[in-house]
Amino acid sequence: MISTVVFDIGMVLVYFRWRELFAELGFEGEKFEKIAQATVHNPWWNEFDKGGMTIEEIVDKYAESAPEYKEDIAKIYDHKDEFIVLYEYTIPWIKDLKERGYKVYILSNWSEPVYEANKNTHLRFLKEVDGEIMSYRERMIKPDREIYELLCNRFNINPSEAVFLDDNAANVKGAKEFGLHAIHFKNYEQAKEELERYLAE
């Protein structure tokens, strides 16, 4: 019997609008592609979510891949409060689960600057949940087994009674290998339907 629902954030509860932001900053064509490869498609993007690095340090790492665009890359973080948009369904979905008696937690790879810039706006749903694990605070990220273990230990969650939703297939696989039930989030309707099947068991 399921007692707990655990959500990822990006592309599950909020829209990660990096493409739109890059376009608004005037990045297009080859410049767009090179900056995308240097940042959001760079393994250092996830490393930044582990915490312990300043914006200046991560910009230096990104710029190793595209030194000619270092100033443009640095400019991205001047707009860290524009990275995400809260989905309309997010707060009603969480409130509905809570009203039905389920515990709701967050497990997300997240960098501190973007968290701080959005915590009272597009991340305001965090006030509705029972607890959260943010990667930057713990110095670990999904899909490392340790972060799922930390979640369950900290909040006394029985993995067999919890469902985890994430848009990243590797994170879903990691959760399942740890022992959680998990749903690969593709869109709200699909994920809600799959979740309801688990809750009905």
Foldseek 3Di string as FASTA:
>chain_A
DAFAEEEEPDPAFKDQPPVVLCVVLVQDDPRSVQLCCLEVVDPVNLQLLQAPDDLVVSLVSSCVSPVVCSVVNSVSLVVLLVRIAGDPCRLVVLVVCVVVRHAYEYEYRDHDSSCVSDCVPNVVSVVSHPYYDGNNVVSDHPPPLVSLVCVCVVVVDDQQNYEYEDCDPRNQVSSVVNPHHYDNDDDDVVVVVVVVVVVVD
